[in-house]
Amino acid sequence: MKESLMDVICCPLDKAPLELDVDDEDDEEVLAGTLTCTECGETYPIEDGIPNLLPPDMREEAAA
């Protein structure tokens, strides 16, 4: 995920801005980390450079 994506993505639940916490990056790509909503506090994982912005209940169903 490119950090410039932060300008256009928001929390899918309440449309509030997201805060980026980077665990691993390569040049300008965020490879692992989390996105946290500044309003509701929900967290969204970034794995292999892909942010998972599914709401929590849908994430659990998709993993099954």
C-alpha atoms as a PDB file:
ATOM      1  CA  MET A   1       0.000   0.000   0.000  1.00  0.00           C
ATOM      2  CA  LYS A   2       1.367   3.409  -0.861  1.00  0.00           C
ATOM      3  CA  GLU A   3       1.222   5.996   1.930  1.00  0.00           C
ATOM      4  CA  SER A   4      -0.418   8.422  -0.533  1.00  0.00           C
ATOM      5  CA  LEU A   5      -3.530   6.212  -0.324  1.00  0.00           C
ATOM      6  CA  MET A   6      -4.108   7.697   3.138  1.00  0.00           C
ATOM      7  CA  ASP A   7      -5.449  10.819   1.393  1.00  0.00           C
ATOM      8  CA  VAL A   8      -8.411   8.921  -0.059  1.00  0.00           C
ATOM      9  CA  ILE A   9      -9.307   6.057   2.296  1.00  0.00           C
ATOM     10  CA  CYS A  10     -11.452   6.373   5.407  1.00  0.00           C
ATOM     11  CA  CYS A  11     -13.107   4.145   7.992  1.00  0.00           C
ATOM     12  CA  PRO A  12     -15.830   2.100   6.249  1.00  0.00           C
ATOM     13  CA  LEU A  13     -18.002   2.257   9.388  1.00  0.00           C
ATOM     14  CA  ASP A  14     -18.148   5.993  10.111  1.00  0.00           C
ATOM     15  CA  LYS A  15     -16.133   7.603   7.276  1.00  0.00           C
ATOM     16  CA  ALA A  16     -13.639   9.146   9.749  1.00  0.00           C
ATOM     17  CA  PRO A  17      -9.920   9.490   8.920  1.00  0.00           C
ATOM     18  CA  LEU A  18      -7.592   6.554   9.548  1.00  0.00           C
ATOM     19  CA  GLU A  19      -4.236   6.654  11.340  1.00  0.00           C
ATOM     20  CA  LEU A  20      -1.406   4.577   9.863  1.00  0.00           C
ATOM     21  CA  ASP A  21       0.915   2.454  12.034  1.00  0.00           C
ATOM     22  CA  VAL A  22       3.681   0.894   9.913  1.00  0.00           C
ATOM     23  CA  ASP A  23       5.276  -2.409  10.977  1.00  0.00           C
ATOM     24  CA  ASP A  24       7.198  -3.109   7.745  1.00  0.00           C
ATOM     25  CA  GLU A  25       7.845  -1.041   4.638  1.00  0.00           C
ATOM     26  CA  ASP A  26       9.883  -1.194   1.444  1.00  0.00           C
ATOM     27  CA  ASP A  27      10.736   2.171  -0.132  1.00  0.00           C
ATOM     28  CA  GLU A  28       7.350   3.920  -0.419  1.00  0.00           C
ATOM     29  CA  GLU A  29       5.260   0.753   0.058  1.00  0.00           C
ATOM     30  CA  VAL A  30       3.736  -0.182   3.419  1.00  0.00           C
ATOM     31  CA  LEU A  31       3.950  -3.980   3.555  1.00  0.00           C
ATOM     32  CA  ALA A  32       2.519  -4.599   7.039  1.00  0.00           C
ATOM     33  CA  GLY A  33       0.831  -2.547   9.728  1.00  0.00           C
ATOM     34  CA  THR A  34      -2.535  -1.328  10.867  1.00  0.00           C
ATOM     35  CA  LEU A  35      -4.984   1.422  10.065  1.00  0.00           C
ATOM     36  CA  THR A  36      -6.889   2.755  13.086  1.00  0.00           C
ATOM     37  CA  CYS A  37     -10.028   4.873  12.922  1.00  0.00           C
ATOM     38  CA  THR A  38      -9.607   8.202  14.698  1.00  0.00           C
ATOM     39  CA  GLU A  39     -13.290   8.172  15.770  1.00  0.00           C
ATOM     40  CA  CYS A  40     -14.458   4.636  16.607  1.00  0.00           C
ATOM     41  CA  GLY A  41     -11.015   3.088  17.229  1.00  0.00           C
ATOM     42  CA  GLU A  42     -11.608   0.095  14.942  1.00  0.00           C
ATOM     43  CA  THR A  43      -8.390  -1.347  13.492  1.00  0.00           C
ATOM     44  CA  TYR A  44      -7.818  -2.679   9.987  1.00  0.00           C
ATOM     45  CA  PRO A  45      -4.790  -4.840   9.155  1.00  0.00           C
ATOM     46  CA  ILE A  46      -2.359  -4.286   6.298  1.00  0.00           C
ATOM     47  CA  GLU A  47      -0.901  -7.614   5.152  1.00  0.00           C
ATOM     48  CA  ASP A  48       1.420  -8.119   2.171  1.00  0.00           C
ATOM     49  CA  GLY A  49       0.836  -4.477   1.219  1.00  0.00           C
ATOM     50  CA  ILE A  50      -2.954  -4.858   1.056  1.00  0.00           C
ATOM     51  CA  PRO A  51      -5.205  -2.992   3.504  1.00  0.00           C
ATOM     52  CA  ASN A  52      -8.207  -5.054   4.633  1.00  0.00           C
ATOM     53  CA  LEU A  53     -10.985  -2.489   5.038  1.00  0.00           C
ATOM     54  CA  LEU A  54     -13.793  -4.981   5.515  1.00  0.00           C
ATOM     55  CA  PRO A  55     -15.901  -4.277   8.609  1.00  0.00           C
ATOM     56  CA  PRO A  56     -14.948  -6.590  11.515  1.00  0.00           C
ATOM     57  CA  ASP A  57     -17.955  -8.916  11.155  1.00  0.00           C
ATOM     58  CA  MET A  58     -17.292  -9.413   7.436  1.00  0.00           C
ATOM     59  CA  ARG A  59     -13.543 -10.032   8.039  1.00  0.00           C
ATOM     60  CA  GLU A  60     -14.364 -12.996  10.281  1.00  0.00           C
ATOM     61  CA  GLU A  61     -16.722 -14.483   7.674  1.00  0.00           C
ATOM     62  CA  ALA A  62     -14.156 -14.025   4.879  1.00  0.00           C
ATOM     63  CA  ALA A  63     -11.456 -15.838   6.872  1.00  0.00           C
ATOM     64  CA  ALA A  64     -13.682 -18.893   7.405  1.00  0.00           C
END
